[in-house]
N, C-alpha and C. Protein backbone atom coordinates (compact mmCIF):
# COMPACT_ATOMS: atom_id res chain seq x y z
N MET A 1 1.83 2.88 30.78
CA MET A 1 0.91 2.79 29.66
C MET A 1 1.22 1.50 28.90
N SER A 2 0.21 0.74 28.63
CA SER A 2 0.40 -0.50 27.88
C SER A 2 0.03 -0.27 26.42
N SER A 3 0.61 -1.06 25.57
CA SER A 3 0.28 -0.94 24.14
C SER A 3 -0.82 -1.94 23.81
N LEU A 4 -1.67 -1.55 22.92
CA LEU A 4 -2.78 -2.39 22.50
C LEU A 4 -2.61 -2.73 21.04
N GLN A 5 -2.58 -3.99 20.73
CA GLN A 5 -2.45 -4.42 19.34
C GLN A 5 -3.80 -4.91 18.85
N ILE A 6 -4.20 -4.42 17.71
CA ILE A 6 -5.45 -4.82 17.10
C ILE A 6 -5.14 -5.43 15.74
N PHE A 7 -5.63 -6.62 15.52
CA PHE A 7 -5.39 -7.29 14.25
C PHE A 7 -6.69 -7.32 13.45
N LEU A 8 -6.67 -6.70 12.30
CA LEU A 8 -7.83 -6.68 11.43
C LEU A 8 -7.49 -7.37 10.12
N ARG A 9 -8.48 -7.96 9.52
CA ARG A 9 -8.27 -8.55 8.20
C ARG A 9 -8.27 -7.42 7.19
N CYS A 10 -7.31 -7.44 6.32
CA CYS A 10 -7.20 -6.43 5.28
C CYS A 10 -7.27 -7.10 3.91
N GLU A 11 -7.59 -6.32 2.94
CA GLU A 11 -7.64 -6.80 1.56
C GLU A 11 -6.72 -5.91 0.73
N THR A 12 -5.93 -6.53 -0.11
CA THR A 12 -5.02 -5.78 -0.98
C THR A 12 -5.45 -5.95 -2.43
N ARG A 13 -5.59 -4.86 -3.12
CA ARG A 13 -5.95 -4.87 -4.55
C ARG A 13 -4.88 -4.13 -5.33
N MET A 14 -4.61 -4.62 -6.52
CA MET A 14 -3.64 -3.97 -7.38
C MET A 14 -4.34 -3.52 -8.66
N ASN A 15 -4.21 -2.24 -8.95
CA ASN A 15 -4.74 -1.67 -10.18
C ASN A 15 -3.58 -1.38 -11.12
N VAL A 16 -3.84 -0.65 -12.17
CA VAL A 16 -2.80 -0.36 -13.17
C VAL A 16 -1.63 0.40 -12.57
N GLU A 17 -1.90 1.43 -11.76
CA GLU A 17 -0.84 2.25 -11.17
C GLU A 17 -0.92 2.34 -9.65
N THR A 18 -1.76 1.52 -9.03
CA THR A 18 -2.03 1.68 -7.60
C THR A 18 -2.10 0.33 -6.89
N VAL A 19 -1.57 0.31 -5.66
CA VAL A 19 -1.79 -0.81 -4.76
C VAL A 19 -2.64 -0.25 -3.63
N VAL A 20 -3.82 -0.84 -3.40
CA VAL A 20 -4.78 -0.34 -2.43
C VAL A 20 -4.95 -1.37 -1.31
N VAL A 21 -4.89 -0.91 -0.07
CA VAL A 21 -5.15 -1.76 1.09
C VAL A 21 -6.45 -1.28 1.71
N LYS A 22 -7.42 -2.22 1.89
CA LYS A 22 -8.72 -1.90 2.49
C LYS A 22 -8.89 -2.70 3.76
N ASP A 23 -9.62 -2.12 4.71
CA ASP A 23 -9.91 -2.84 5.95
C ASP A 23 -11.13 -3.73 5.77
N GLN A 24 -11.58 -4.36 6.86
CA GLN A 24 -12.71 -5.30 6.79
C GLN A 24 -13.99 -4.64 6.29
N ALA A 25 -14.17 -3.38 6.59
CA ALA A 25 -15.38 -2.67 6.18
C ALA A 25 -15.30 -2.17 4.75
N GLY A 26 -14.17 -2.36 4.10
CA GLY A 26 -14.00 -1.90 2.73
C GLY A 26 -13.47 -0.50 2.61
N LYS A 27 -13.11 0.10 3.75
CA LYS A 27 -12.56 1.45 3.75
C LYS A 27 -11.09 1.40 3.34
N VAL A 28 -10.69 2.32 2.47
CA VAL A 28 -9.31 2.37 2.01
C VAL A 28 -8.41 2.85 3.14
N VAL A 29 -7.44 2.01 3.50
CA VAL A 29 -6.48 2.34 4.54
C VAL A 29 -5.28 3.05 3.93
N ARG A 30 -4.86 2.58 2.77
CA ARG A 30 -3.68 3.14 2.11
C ARG A 30 -3.76 2.89 0.62
N SER A 31 -3.45 3.92 -0.16
CA SER A 31 -3.29 3.79 -1.61
C SER A 31 -1.87 4.22 -1.92
N THR A 32 -1.15 3.37 -2.61
CA THR A 32 0.22 3.70 -3.00
C THR A 32 0.31 3.67 -4.51
N TYR A 33 0.64 4.81 -5.09
CA TYR A 33 0.79 4.92 -6.54
C TYR A 33 2.21 4.55 -6.92
N PHE A 34 2.35 3.83 -8.03
CA PHE A 34 3.68 3.42 -8.46
C PHE A 34 3.86 3.67 -9.95
N GLU A 35 5.12 3.68 -10.35
CA GLU A 35 5.51 3.83 -11.75
C GLU A 35 6.78 3.02 -11.94
N ASP A 36 6.79 2.16 -12.93
CA ASP A 36 7.96 1.30 -13.14
C ASP A 36 9.05 1.93 -14.01
N GLU A 37 8.73 2.96 -14.74
CA GLU A 37 9.74 3.63 -15.57
C GLU A 37 10.49 4.66 -14.73
N PRO A 38 11.80 4.45 -14.48
CA PRO A 38 12.55 5.38 -13.63
C PRO A 38 12.52 6.83 -14.11
N GLU A 39 12.52 7.03 -15.41
CA GLU A 39 12.52 8.40 -15.95
C GLU A 39 11.22 9.11 -15.63
N GLN A 40 10.11 8.37 -15.61
CA GLN A 40 8.81 8.96 -15.31
C GLN A 40 8.56 9.02 -13.80
N ARG A 41 9.15 8.10 -13.06
CA ARG A 41 8.92 8.01 -11.62
C ARG A 41 9.54 9.19 -10.87
N ARG A 42 10.73 9.58 -11.27
CA ARG A 42 11.48 10.61 -10.55
C ARG A 42 10.74 11.95 -10.44
N PRO A 43 10.26 12.53 -11.56
CA PRO A 43 9.63 13.85 -11.44
C PRO A 43 8.30 13.85 -10.67
N ILE A 44 7.60 12.72 -10.63
CA ILE A 44 6.30 12.69 -9.94
C ILE A 44 6.39 12.02 -8.57
N HIS A 45 7.60 11.66 -8.15
CA HIS A 45 7.86 11.12 -6.81
C HIS A 45 7.04 9.87 -6.50
N ARG A 46 7.01 8.94 -7.42
CA ARG A 46 6.33 7.66 -7.18
C ARG A 46 7.36 6.57 -6.90
N VAL A 47 6.91 5.54 -6.21
CA VAL A 47 7.77 4.40 -5.92
C VAL A 47 7.64 3.38 -7.05
N SER A 48 8.49 2.37 -7.04
CA SER A 48 8.39 1.30 -8.04
C SER A 48 7.28 0.34 -7.64
N HIS A 49 6.91 -0.54 -8.54
CA HIS A 49 5.87 -1.55 -8.26
C HIS A 49 6.27 -2.41 -7.07
N ASP A 50 7.52 -2.88 -7.04
CA ASP A 50 7.98 -3.73 -5.94
C ASP A 50 7.92 -3.01 -4.60
N GLU A 51 8.28 -1.72 -4.60
CA GLU A 51 8.22 -0.94 -3.35
C GLU A 51 6.76 -0.75 -2.90
N ALA A 52 5.85 -0.55 -3.84
CA ALA A 52 4.43 -0.40 -3.49
C ALA A 52 3.88 -1.67 -2.88
N VAL A 53 4.26 -2.82 -3.42
CA VAL A 53 3.82 -4.11 -2.87
C VAL A 53 4.40 -4.29 -1.46
N LEU A 54 5.65 -3.93 -1.27
CA LEU A 54 6.28 -4.04 0.05
C LEU A 54 5.57 -3.16 1.08
N ILE A 55 5.18 -1.96 0.70
CA ILE A 55 4.44 -1.07 1.59
C ILE A 55 3.10 -1.72 1.97
N ALA A 56 2.40 -2.27 1.00
CA ALA A 56 1.11 -2.93 1.27
C ALA A 56 1.29 -4.12 2.19
N GLN A 57 2.32 -4.91 1.96
CA GLN A 57 2.57 -6.09 2.81
C GLN A 57 2.88 -5.66 4.24
N THR A 58 3.61 -4.58 4.41
CA THR A 58 3.95 -4.08 5.73
C THR A 58 2.70 -3.66 6.48
N ILE A 59 1.79 -2.97 5.80
CA ILE A 59 0.54 -2.55 6.42
C ILE A 59 -0.31 -3.77 6.74
N TYR A 60 -0.37 -4.72 5.81
CA TYR A 60 -1.19 -5.92 5.98
C TYR A 60 -0.73 -6.74 7.18
N GLU A 61 0.58 -6.79 7.42
CA GLU A 61 1.13 -7.60 8.51
C GLU A 61 0.96 -6.96 9.87
N ARG A 62 0.70 -5.67 9.92
CA ARG A 62 0.57 -4.99 11.22
C ARG A 62 -0.80 -5.09 11.78
C-alpha cells in the first residue's frame, strides 16, 4: 500500500479565544480554543495561545 499526500492551501484565522484553520473551500478543518490565564485554563482544559498557534501551524504544514 502506498501513501498519498495531498497538499491543500489552508487559511488560519485568530479570534479572541480561537485559532481556526479553514481549507480552500472555506470549511473549518480545526478550531482550537485557548486561554492565556493558567488559573482559568486548567478547569476548562484549554491550551495556551502559543500552543493553539503551534497546533494550527502543524495542520497548515501537513
